[in-house]
Amino acid sequence: LIKKMKSGVETAKRTNAKWALVVPGRYNQRMEWDYQTANVIENLKYCAEILEPAGVVMVIEPLNPHDHPGLFLTKMPQAYSICRAVNSPSCKIVDDLYHQQITEGNLIPNIDRSWSEIAAFHLGDTPGRKEPTTGEINYKNIFKYLHEKGYKDVLCMEHGNSKPGKEGEIALIEAYKTVDDF
């Protein structure tokens, strides 16, 4: 892990990358959950010590257990408590709203509770992981909330288009215009 992180820092320097996505991996059914949490925290502290001098932030991403069964990190409160324990500006959360909606919903309250540890957001509606306005997430309210909080960092469009070709591209642009009109 440490060797890969050092190599990743060199890549980040060459490419001027500021964030590195980290997913802790699968949970071990033969080990108590609290020991696994302690191991994750300890390893992320080592990683943060490598990343911090380079100005790189690792963002840990909770993934939903329906699409990614068996992974250790699945919920925002879990990611928040891990980041707080690592206690480094180089260990933050990427809040993937698609995953969070599937796993726990309650998006705005979870964003609010985890605000100090969130560095970026991934966007995608559910069901289907397509552009906003195609599913159940009210992105207009979320964008308004983020704007009111003064958020000015990354909103990654991590989704497909609901329609193919040019029609899909136009629908995508219109969707973002709609959710950004508050």
N, C-alpha and C. Protein backbone atom coordinates (compact mmCIF):
# COMPACT_ATOMS: atom_id res chain seq x y z
N LEU A 1 0.83 -1.20 0.00
CA LEU A 1 0.00 0.00 0.00
C LEU A 1 0.87 1.26 0.00
N ILE A 2 1.86 1.28 0.87
CA ILE A 2 2.73 2.46 0.99
C ILE A 2 3.50 2.68 -0.31
N LYS A 3 3.99 1.60 -0.89
CA LYS A 3 4.72 1.70 -2.16
C LYS A 3 3.82 2.28 -3.26
N LYS A 4 2.58 1.80 -3.32
CA LYS A 4 1.63 2.31 -4.32
C LYS A 4 1.30 3.78 -4.07
N MET A 5 1.19 4.16 -2.81
CA MET A 5 0.87 5.55 -2.49
C MET A 5 2.02 6.47 -2.88
N LYS A 6 3.25 6.04 -2.62
CA LYS A 6 4.41 6.85 -3.02
C LYS A 6 4.48 6.99 -4.53
N SER A 7 4.20 5.92 -5.24
CA SER A 7 4.16 5.97 -6.70
C SER A 7 3.04 6.89 -7.17
N GLY A 8 1.89 6.82 -6.49
CA GLY A 8 0.76 7.69 -6.83
C GLY A 8 1.07 9.16 -6.64
N VAL A 9 1.84 9.49 -5.61
CA VAL A 9 2.24 10.89 -5.38
C VAL A 9 3.09 11.38 -6.54
N GLU A 10 3.99 10.54 -7.01
CA GLU A 10 4.83 10.94 -8.16
C GLU A 10 3.98 11.17 -9.40
N THR A 11 3.00 10.31 -9.61
CA THR A 11 2.08 10.50 -10.75
C THR A 11 1.29 11.78 -10.57
N ALA A 12 0.81 12.03 -9.36
CA ALA A 12 0.05 13.26 -9.09
C ALA A 12 0.89 14.50 -9.37
N LYS A 13 2.16 14.46 -8.99
CA LYS A 13 3.04 15.60 -9.25
C LYS A 13 3.20 15.85 -10.75
N ARG A 14 3.38 14.77 -11.51
CA ARG A 14 3.56 14.90 -12.97
C ARG A 14 2.29 15.40 -13.67
N THR A 15 1.14 15.04 -13.13
CA THR A 15 -0.12 15.37 -13.80
C THR A 15 -0.88 16.52 -13.13
N ASN A 16 -0.29 17.07 -12.07
CA ASN A 16 -0.92 18.15 -11.31
C ASN A 16 -2.27 17.73 -10.71
N ALA A 17 -2.40 16.46 -10.37
CA ALA A 17 -3.62 15.96 -9.74
C ALA A 17 -3.65 16.40 -8.28
N LYS A 18 -4.83 16.71 -7.80
CA LYS A 18 -4.99 17.16 -6.41
C LYS A 18 -5.72 16.14 -5.54
N TRP A 19 -6.45 15.22 -6.17
CA TRP A 19 -7.23 14.23 -5.43
C TRP A 19 -6.87 12.83 -5.91
N ALA A 20 -6.93 11.88 -4.98
CA ALA A 20 -6.72 10.47 -5.30
C ALA A 20 -7.85 9.68 -4.64
N LEU A 21 -8.58 8.93 -5.42
CA LEU A 21 -9.70 8.15 -4.92
C LEU A 21 -9.19 6.87 -4.27
N VAL A 22 -9.68 6.59 -3.05
CA VAL A 22 -9.27 5.40 -2.32
C VAL A 22 -10.52 4.66 -1.85
N VAL A 23 -10.58 3.37 -2.14
CA VAL A 23 -11.65 2.51 -1.63
C VAL A 23 -10.97 1.45 -0.76
N PRO A 24 -11.29 1.40 0.54
CA PRO A 24 -10.58 0.50 1.44
C PRO A 24 -10.62 -0.99 1.08
N GLY A 25 -11.53 -1.44 0.28
CA GLY A 25 -11.54 -2.85 -0.10
C GLY A 25 -12.62 -3.65 0.61
N ARG A 26 -12.48 -4.95 0.58
CA ARG A 26 -13.50 -5.86 1.11
C ARG A 26 -13.34 -6.04 2.63
N TYR A 27 -14.46 -6.32 3.28
CA TYR A 27 -14.38 -6.62 4.70
C TYR A 27 -14.05 -8.10 4.88
N ASN A 28 -13.46 -8.40 6.02
CA ASN A 28 -13.05 -9.76 6.34
C ASN A 28 -14.05 -10.34 7.33
N GLN A 29 -14.79 -11.35 6.91
CA GLN A 29 -15.82 -11.93 7.78
C GLN A 29 -15.23 -12.68 8.97
N ARG A 30 -13.94 -12.91 8.96
CA ARG A 30 -13.30 -13.64 10.06
C ARG A 30 -12.68 -12.70 11.09
N MET A 31 -12.82 -11.41 10.88
CA MET A 31 -12.23 -10.44 11.81
C MET A 31 -13.32 -9.50 12.31
N GLU A 32 -13.29 -9.20 13.59
CA GLU A 32 -14.25 -8.27 14.16
C GLU A 32 -14.19 -6.92 13.44
N TRP A 33 -15.36 -6.32 13.28
CA TRP A 33 -15.50 -5.06 12.54
C TRP A 33 -14.62 -3.95 13.11
N ASP A 34 -14.56 -3.83 14.42
CA ASP A 34 -13.78 -2.75 15.04
C ASP A 34 -12.28 -2.89 14.76
N TYR A 35 -11.77 -4.12 14.70
CA TYR A 35 -10.37 -4.32 14.35
C TYR A 35 -10.12 -3.89 12.90
N GLN A 36 -11.05 -4.22 12.04
CA GLN A 36 -10.91 -3.81 10.63
C GLN A 36 -10.93 -2.29 10.51
N THR A 37 -11.81 -1.66 11.26
CA THR A 37 -11.87 -0.19 11.24
C THR A 37 -10.54 0.39 11.71
N ALA A 38 -9.99 -0.16 12.78
CA ALA A 38 -8.70 0.32 13.28
C ALA A 38 -7.60 0.14 12.23
N ASN A 39 -7.62 -0.98 11.52
CA ASN A 39 -6.62 -1.22 10.47
C ASN A 39 -6.76 -0.21 9.34
N VAL A 40 -8.00 0.08 8.94
CA VAL A 40 -8.23 1.06 7.88
C VAL A 40 -7.71 2.42 8.31
N ILE A 41 -8.04 2.83 9.53
CA ILE A 41 -7.58 4.13 10.04
C ILE A 41 -6.06 4.19 10.06
N GLU A 42 -5.43 3.15 10.57
CA GLU A 42 -3.96 3.13 10.64
C GLU A 42 -3.34 3.23 9.25
N ASN A 43 -3.86 2.47 8.30
CA ASN A 43 -3.31 2.52 6.94
C ASN A 43 -3.55 3.86 6.27
N LEU A 44 -4.71 4.46 6.49
CA LEU A 44 -4.98 5.77 5.90
C LEU A 44 -4.11 6.85 6.54
N LYS A 45 -3.76 6.69 7.81
CA LYS A 45 -2.82 7.63 8.44
C LYS A 45 -1.45 7.56 7.76
N TYR A 46 -0.98 6.34 7.48
CA TYR A 46 0.29 6.19 6.75
C TYR A 46 0.20 6.87 5.39
N CYS A 47 -0.91 6.64 4.70
CA CYS A 47 -1.09 7.25 3.37
C CYS A 47 -1.12 8.77 3.47
N ALA A 48 -1.82 9.29 4.47
CA ALA A 48 -1.92 10.74 4.63
C ALA A 48 -0.54 11.36 4.88
N GLU A 49 0.31 10.67 5.63
CA GLU A 49 1.66 11.17 5.88
C GLU A 49 2.45 11.31 4.57
N ILE A 50 2.18 10.46 3.62
CA ILE A 50 2.84 10.52 2.31
C ILE A 50 2.22 11.61 1.44
N LEU A 51 0.91 11.72 1.47
CA LEU A 51 0.19 12.64 0.59
C LEU A 51 0.26 14.10 1.04
N GLU A 52 0.19 14.31 2.33
CA GLU A 52 0.08 15.68 2.85
C GLU A 52 1.21 16.61 2.38
N PRO A 53 2.49 16.20 2.46
CA PRO A 53 3.55 17.11 2.00
C PRO A 53 3.44 17.45 0.50
N ALA A 54 2.81 16.56 -0.27
CA ALA A 54 2.67 16.79 -1.71
C ALA A 54 1.41 17.59 -2.05
N GLY A 55 0.59 17.87 -1.03
CA GLY A 55 -0.64 18.63 -1.27
C GLY A 55 -1.72 17.82 -1.97
N VAL A 56 -1.65 16.50 -1.84
CA VAL A 56 -2.64 15.63 -2.47
C VAL A 56 -3.63 15.16 -1.40
N VAL A 57 -4.90 15.11 -1.76
CA VAL A 57 -5.95 14.66 -0.85
C VAL A 57 -6.49 13.33 -1.34
N MET A 58 -6.44 12.31 -0.48
CA MET A 58 -7.13 11.07 -0.84
C MET A 58 -8.58 11.23 -0.41
N VAL A 59 -9.47 10.85 -1.28
CA VAL A 59 -10.89 10.91 -0.96
C VAL A 59 -11.39 9.47 -0.89
N ILE A 60 -11.94 9.12 0.27
CA ILE A 60 -12.48 7.78 0.44
C ILE A 60 -13.94 7.80 0.02
N GLU A 61 -14.36 6.74 -0.65
CA GLU A 61 -15.70 6.72 -1.22
C GLU A 61 -16.52 5.55 -0.68
N PRO A 62 -17.58 5.85 0.06
CA PRO A 62 -18.50 4.78 0.45
C PRO A 62 -19.29 4.31 -0.78
N LEU A 63 -19.30 3.02 -1.04
CA LEU A 63 -20.03 2.45 -2.17
C LEU A 63 -21.20 1.61 -1.68
N ASN A 64 -22.30 1.63 -2.41
CA ASN A 64 -23.47 0.90 -1.94
C ASN A 64 -23.26 -0.61 -2.05
N PRO A 65 -23.77 -1.36 -1.07
CA PRO A 65 -23.55 -2.81 -1.04
C PRO A 65 -24.38 -3.58 -2.06
N HIS A 66 -25.32 -2.92 -2.71
CA HIS A 66 -26.12 -3.61 -3.73
C HIS A 66 -25.33 -3.77 -5.03
N ASP A 67 -24.63 -2.71 -5.43
CA ASP A 67 -23.79 -2.76 -6.63
C ASP A 67 -22.41 -3.34 -6.33
N HIS A 68 -21.96 -3.20 -5.10
CA HIS A 68 -20.60 -3.60 -4.70
C HIS A 68 -20.66 -4.40 -3.39
N PRO A 69 -21.21 -5.60 -3.41
CA PRO A 69 -21.33 -6.37 -2.16
C PRO A 69 -19.97 -6.73 -1.57
N GLY A 70 -19.90 -6.70 -0.25
CA GLY A 70 -18.71 -7.15 0.44
C GLY A 70 -17.66 -6.09 0.71
N LEU A 71 -17.91 -4.85 0.29
CA LEU A 71 -16.92 -3.81 0.55
C LEU A 71 -17.04 -3.30 1.98
N PHE A 72 -15.93 -2.86 2.51
CA PHE A 72 -15.87 -2.38 3.89
C PHE A 72 -16.61 -1.06 4.08
N LEU A 73 -16.38 -0.11 3.20
CA LEU A 73 -16.89 1.25 3.39
C LEU A 73 -18.18 1.44 2.60
N THR A 74 -19.30 1.60 3.32
CA THR A 74 -20.60 1.69 2.64
C THR A 74 -21.45 2.89 3.03
N LYS A 75 -21.14 3.57 4.12
CA LYS A 75 -22.02 4.65 4.59
C LYS A 75 -21.25 5.91 4.95
N MET A 76 -21.95 7.02 4.85
CA MET A 76 -21.35 8.32 5.16
C MET A 76 -20.91 8.44 6.62
N PRO A 77 -21.71 8.04 7.61
CA PRO A 77 -21.23 8.16 8.99
C PRO A 77 -19.94 7.37 9.24
N GLN A 78 -19.82 6.24 8.59
CA GLN A 78 -18.61 5.42 8.70
C GLN A 78 -17.42 6.16 8.10
N ALA A 79 -17.60 6.73 6.90
CA ALA A 79 -16.52 7.48 6.25
C ALA A 79 -16.15 8.70 7.09
N TYR A 80 -17.14 9.37 7.62
CA TYR A 80 -16.91 10.56 8.45
C TYR A 80 -16.07 10.20 9.67
N SER A 81 -16.46 9.14 10.37
CA SER A 81 -15.72 8.78 11.60
C SER A 81 -14.29 8.35 11.27
N ILE A 82 -14.08 7.70 10.14
CA ILE A 82 -12.73 7.31 9.74
C ILE A 82 -11.89 8.55 9.44
N CYS A 83 -12.45 9.49 8.68
CA CYS A 83 -11.70 10.72 8.38
C CYS A 83 -11.37 11.50 9.65
N ARG A 84 -12.32 11.57 10.56
CA ARG A 84 -12.05 12.28 11.82
C ARG A 84 -10.92 11.60 12.59
N ALA A 85 -10.89 10.27 12.57
CA ALA A 85 -9.84 9.54 13.29
C ALA A 85 -8.48 9.70 12.61
N VAL A 86 -8.45 9.73 11.29
CA VAL A 86 -7.19 9.94 10.57
C VAL A 86 -6.69 11.35 10.84
N ASN A 87 -7.61 12.31 10.92
CA ASN A 87 -7.29 13.68 11.33
C ASN A 87 -6.21 14.32 10.47
N SER A 88 -6.43 14.31 9.16
CA SER A 88 -5.47 14.91 8.23
C SER A 88 -6.22 15.64 7.13
N PRO A 89 -5.71 16.79 6.69
CA PRO A 89 -6.32 17.46 5.54
C PRO A 89 -6.16 16.65 4.26
N SER A 90 -5.37 15.61 4.29
CA SER A 90 -5.17 14.75 3.11
C SER A 90 -6.04 13.49 3.14
N CYS A 91 -7.01 13.44 4.04
CA CYS A 91 -7.96 12.32 4.08
C CYS A 91 -9.37 12.88 4.21
N LYS A 92 -10.10 12.84 3.13
CA LYS A 92 -11.46 13.39 3.10
C LYS A 92 -12.39 12.40 2.41
N ILE A 93 -13.64 12.80 2.22
CA ILE A 93 -14.67 11.96 1.62
C ILE A 93 -15.03 12.49 0.25
N VAL A 94 -15.25 11.58 -0.70
CA VAL A 94 -15.99 11.93 -1.91
C VAL A 94 -17.39 11.33 -1.70
N ASP A 95 -18.37 12.20 -1.67
CA ASP A 95 -19.75 11.78 -1.42
C ASP A 95 -20.41 11.49 -2.76
N ASP A 96 -20.53 10.22 -3.08
CA ASP A 96 -21.20 9.80 -4.31
C ASP A 96 -22.69 9.70 -4.00
N LEU A 97 -23.44 10.66 -4.50
CA LEU A 97 -24.85 10.76 -4.14
C LEU A 97 -25.67 9.59 -4.67
N TYR A 98 -25.27 9.01 -5.77
CA TYR A 98 -25.92 7.79 -6.28
C TYR A 98 -25.81 6.68 -5.23
N HIS A 99 -24.59 6.40 -4.77
CA HIS A 99 -24.38 5.34 -3.79
C HIS A 99 -25.08 5.67 -2.47
N GLN A 100 -24.95 6.92 -2.03
CA GLN A 100 -25.54 7.29 -0.75
C GLN A 100 -27.06 7.14 -0.77
N GLN A 101 -27.69 7.52 -1.87
CA GLN A 101 -29.15 7.39 -1.96
C GLN A 101 -29.57 5.93 -1.85
N ILE A 102 -28.86 5.04 -2.51
CA ILE A 102 -29.20 3.62 -2.46
C ILE A 102 -28.99 3.05 -1.06
N THR A 103 -27.89 3.40 -0.43
CA THR A 103 -27.54 2.82 0.87
C THR A 103 -28.33 3.40 2.02
N GLU A 104 -28.48 4.72 2.04
CA GLU A 104 -29.06 5.33 3.24
C GLU A 104 -30.00 6.48 2.99
N GLY A 105 -30.05 7.04 1.79
CA GLY A 105 -30.93 8.18 1.54
C GLY A 105 -30.57 9.35 2.44
N ASN A 106 -31.56 10.16 2.77
CA ASN A 106 -31.34 11.25 3.72
C ASN A 106 -30.14 12.11 3.31
N LEU A 107 -30.08 12.47 2.04
CA LEU A 107 -28.88 13.05 1.44
C LEU A 107 -28.43 14.35 2.09
N ILE A 108 -29.30 15.34 2.14
CA ILE A 108 -28.88 16.65 2.66
C ILE A 108 -28.50 16.57 4.13
N PRO A 109 -29.27 15.91 5.00
CA PRO A 109 -28.80 15.79 6.39
C PRO A 109 -27.46 15.06 6.52
N ASN A 110 -27.22 14.04 5.70
CA ASN A 110 -25.93 13.35 5.76
C ASN A 110 -24.80 14.23 5.25
N ILE A 111 -25.07 15.01 4.20
CA ILE A 111 -24.05 15.96 3.74
C ILE A 111 -23.74 16.95 4.85
N ASP A 112 -24.78 17.46 5.48
CA ASP A 112 -24.60 18.46 6.54
C ASP A 112 -23.78 17.90 7.70
N ARG A 113 -24.10 16.69 8.13
CA ARG A 113 -23.38 16.09 9.26
C ARG A 113 -21.92 15.79 8.92
N SER A 114 -21.65 15.51 7.66
CA SER A 114 -20.29 15.13 7.24
C SER A 114 -19.54 16.27 6.57
N TRP A 115 -20.12 17.46 6.55
CA TRP A 115 -19.62 18.58 5.75
C TRP A 115 -18.12 18.83 5.92
N SER A 116 -17.64 18.82 7.14
CA SER A 116 -16.23 19.16 7.39
C SER A 116 -15.26 18.16 6.78
N GLU A 117 -15.74 16.99 6.42
CA GLU A 117 -14.85 15.95 5.89
C GLU A 117 -15.08 15.67 4.40
N ILE A 118 -15.99 16.39 3.76
CA ILE A 118 -16.28 16.16 2.34
C ILE A 118 -15.40 17.06 1.48
N ALA A 119 -14.73 16.46 0.50
CA ALA A 119 -13.89 17.22 -0.43
C ALA A 119 -14.52 17.32 -1.82
N ALA A 120 -15.36 16.35 -2.19
CA ALA A 120 -15.90 16.33 -3.55
C ALA A 120 -17.20 15.52 -3.57
N PHE A 121 -17.92 15.68 -4.66
CA PHE A 121 -19.18 14.95 -4.86
C PHE A 121 -19.18 14.26 -6.21
N HIS A 122 -19.74 13.06 -6.24
CA HIS A 122 -20.02 12.38 -7.51
C HIS A 122 -21.53 12.44 -7.72
N LEU A 123 -21.92 12.71 -8.96
CA LEU A 123 -23.33 12.86 -9.29
C LEU A 123 -23.79 11.72 -10.19
N GLY A 124 -25.00 11.31 -9.99
CA GLY A 124 -25.65 10.29 -10.80
C GLY A 124 -26.99 9.97 -10.16
N ASP A 125 -28.03 9.91 -10.95
CA ASP A 125 -29.36 9.69 -10.40
C ASP A 125 -29.62 8.19 -10.25
N THR A 126 -30.61 7.88 -9.45
CA THR A 126 -30.98 6.49 -9.24
C THR A 126 -32.49 6.35 -9.29
N PRO A 127 -32.97 5.27 -9.88
CA PRO A 127 -32.22 4.15 -10.45
C PRO A 127 -31.59 4.50 -11.80
N GLY A 128 -30.61 3.74 -12.18
CA GLY A 128 -30.04 3.82 -13.51
C GLY A 128 -28.70 4.51 -13.65
N ARG A 129 -28.29 5.29 -12.69
CA ARG A 129 -27.03 6.05 -12.74
C ARG A 129 -26.91 6.86 -14.02
N LYS A 130 -27.95 7.65 -14.27
CA LYS A 130 -27.97 8.56 -15.43
C LYS A 130 -27.94 9.99 -14.91
N GLU A 131 -28.09 10.96 -15.83
CA GLU A 131 -28.01 12.37 -15.46
C GLU A 131 -29.14 12.75 -14.49
N PRO A 132 -28.92 13.84 -13.72
CA PRO A 132 -29.98 14.33 -12.84
C PRO A 132 -31.28 14.55 -13.60
N THR A 133 -32.37 14.41 -12.89
CA THR A 133 -33.77 14.52 -13.34
C THR A 133 -34.31 13.23 -13.93
N THR A 134 -33.50 12.17 -14.00
CA THR A 134 -33.98 10.91 -14.55
C THR A 134 -34.37 9.91 -13.48
N GLY A 135 -34.21 10.27 -12.22
CA GLY A 135 -34.49 9.33 -11.13
C GLY A 135 -35.11 10.03 -9.95
N GLU A 136 -34.87 9.49 -8.76
CA GLU A 136 -35.55 9.95 -7.55
C GLU A 136 -34.82 11.03 -6.77
N ILE A 137 -33.59 11.33 -7.11
CA ILE A 137 -32.84 12.33 -6.34
C ILE A 137 -33.23 13.73 -6.80
N ASN A 138 -33.51 14.61 -5.84
CA ASN A 138 -33.86 15.99 -6.15
C ASN A 138 -32.58 16.82 -6.20
N TYR A 139 -31.93 16.80 -7.36
CA TYR A 139 -30.66 17.50 -7.50
C TYR A 139 -30.81 19.02 -7.44
N LYS A 140 -31.95 19.55 -7.78
CA LYS A 140 -32.14 21.00 -7.67
C LYS A 140 -32.00 21.42 -6.21
N ASN A 141 -32.61 20.68 -5.30
CA ASN A 141 -32.48 20.99 -3.87
C ASN A 141 -31.05 20.79 -3.39
N ILE A 142 -30.40 19.76 -3.88
CA ILE A 142 -29.01 19.51 -3.47
C ILE A 142 -28.09 20.61 -3.98
N PHE A 143 -28.23 21.00 -5.25
CA PHE A 143 -27.39 22.08 -5.79
C PHE A 143 -27.63 23.38 -5.04
N LYS A 144 -28.89 23.66 -4.73
CA LYS A 144 -29.22 24.87 -3.98
C LYS A 144 -28.54 24.82 -2.61
N TYR A 145 -28.63 23.68 -1.94
CA TYR A 145 -28.01 23.51 -0.63
C TYR A 145 -26.50 23.71 -0.72
N LEU A 146 -25.86 23.09 -1.70
CA LEU A 146 -24.40 23.23 -1.85
C LEU A 146 -24.02 24.68 -2.13
N HIS A 147 -24.82 25.35 -2.94
CA HIS A 147 -24.57 26.76 -3.24
C HIS A 147 -24.69 27.61 -1.96
N GLU A 148 -25.73 27.35 -1.18
CA GLU A 148 -25.93 28.10 0.07
C GLU A 148 -24.80 27.85 1.06
N LYS A 149 -24.22 26.65 1.04
CA LYS A 149 -23.09 26.33 1.92
C LYS A 149 -21.78 26.93 1.42
N GLY A 150 -21.79 27.46 0.19
CA GLY A 150 -20.58 28.06 -0.37
C GLY A 150 -19.64 27.06 -1.02
N TYR A 151 -20.15 25.89 -1.36
CA TYR A 151 -19.31 24.86 -1.97
C TYR A 151 -18.85 25.29 -3.35
N LYS A 152 -17.54 25.19 -3.61
CA LYS A 152 -16.97 25.61 -4.89
C LYS A 152 -15.99 24.59 -5.47
N ASP A 153 -16.04 23.37 -4.98
CA ASP A 153 -15.08 22.37 -5.46
C ASP A 153 -15.72 21.42 -6.47
N VAL A 154 -15.24 20.19 -6.50
CA VAL A 154 -15.56 19.25 -7.58
C VAL A 154 -16.96 18.67 -7.46
N LEU A 155 -17.68 18.72 -8.59
CA LEU A 155 -18.93 18.00 -8.79
C LEU A 155 -18.69 17.12 -10.02
N CYS A 156 -18.38 15.87 -9.79
CA CYS A 156 -18.01 14.96 -10.88
C CYS A 156 -19.25 14.30 -11.46
N MET A 157 -19.44 14.46 -12.75
CA MET A 157 -20.58 13.85 -13.44
C MET A 157 -20.23 12.38 -13.71
N GLU A 158 -20.49 11.54 -12.73
CA GLU A 158 -20.13 10.12 -12.82
C GLU A 158 -21.38 9.31 -13.16
N HIS A 159 -21.83 9.47 -14.39
CA HIS A 159 -23.06 8.80 -14.81
C HIS A 159 -23.09 8.67 -16.33
N GLY A 160 -24.03 7.89 -16.79
CA GLY A 160 -24.26 7.78 -18.23
C GLY A 160 -25.35 8.73 -18.67
N ASN A 161 -25.68 8.67 -19.94
CA ASN A 161 -26.78 9.47 -20.49
C ASN A 161 -28.01 8.59 -20.63
N SER A 162 -29.16 9.17 -20.41
CA SER A 162 -30.40 8.41 -20.50
C SER A 162 -30.82 8.14 -21.94
N LYS A 163 -30.25 8.90 -22.87
CA LYS A 163 -30.58 8.73 -24.29
C LYS A 163 -29.27 8.67 -25.07
N PRO A 164 -29.26 7.98 -26.21
CA PRO A 164 -28.02 7.86 -26.99
C PRO A 164 -27.73 9.10 -27.84
N GLY A 165 -26.46 9.21 -28.25
CA GLY A 165 -26.05 10.20 -29.23
C GLY A 165 -26.29 11.64 -28.85
N LYS A 166 -26.51 12.45 -29.88
CA LYS A 166 -26.70 13.89 -29.70
C LYS A 166 -27.92 14.18 -28.82
N GLU A 167 -28.97 13.39 -28.98
CA GLU A 167 -30.18 13.57 -28.16
C GLU A 167 -29.84 13.42 -26.67
N GLY A 168 -28.98 12.47 -26.35
CA GLY A 168 -28.55 12.27 -24.97
C GLY A 168 -27.69 13.41 -24.47
N GLU A 169 -26.84 13.94 -25.33
CA GLU A 169 -26.00 15.08 -24.94
C GLU A 169 -26.85 16.32 -24.66
N ILE A 170 -27.85 16.54 -25.49
CA ILE A 170 -28.76 17.68 -25.28
C ILE A 170 -29.55 17.48 -23.99
N ALA A 171 -30.05 16.27 -23.77
CA ALA A 171 -30.79 15.98 -22.53
C ALA A 171 -29.92 16.20 -21.30
N LEU A 172 -28.66 15.82 -21.39
CA LEU A 172 -27.72 16.01 -20.29
C LEU A 172 -27.55 17.49 -19.97
N ILE A 173 -27.31 18.29 -20.99
CA ILE A 173 -27.14 19.74 -20.79
C ILE A 173 -28.40 20.35 -20.20
N GLU A 174 -29.55 19.97 -20.71
CA GLU A 174 -30.82 20.50 -20.20
C GLU A 174 -31.05 20.08 -18.75
N ALA A 175 -30.68 18.86 -18.41
CA ALA A 175 -30.84 18.39 -17.03
C ALA A 175 -30.04 19.25 -16.07
N TYR A 176 -28.79 19.55 -16.43
CA TYR A 176 -27.97 20.37 -15.54
C TYR A 176 -28.45 21.81 -15.50
N LYS A 177 -28.98 22.32 -16.57
CA LYS A 177 -29.58 23.65 -16.54
C LYS A 177 -30.77 23.66 -15.58
N THR A 178 -31.57 22.62 -15.62
CA THR A 178 -32.76 22.52 -14.76
C THR A 178 -32.37 22.49 -13.29
N VAL A 179 -31.42 21.65 -12.92
CA VAL A 179 -31.08 21.51 -11.51
C VAL A 179 -30.25 22.68 -10.99
N ASP A 180 -29.67 23.45 -11.90
CA ASP A 180 -28.89 24.62 -11.50
C ASP A 180 -29.72 25.89 -11.49
N ASP A 181 -31.01 25.79 -11.79
CA ASP A 181 -31.91 26.94 -11.85
C ASP A 181 -32.74 26.99 -10.56
N PHE A 182 -32.19 27.60 -9.54
CA PHE A 182 -32.89 27.69 -8.26
C PHE A 182 -32.91 29.12 -7.76
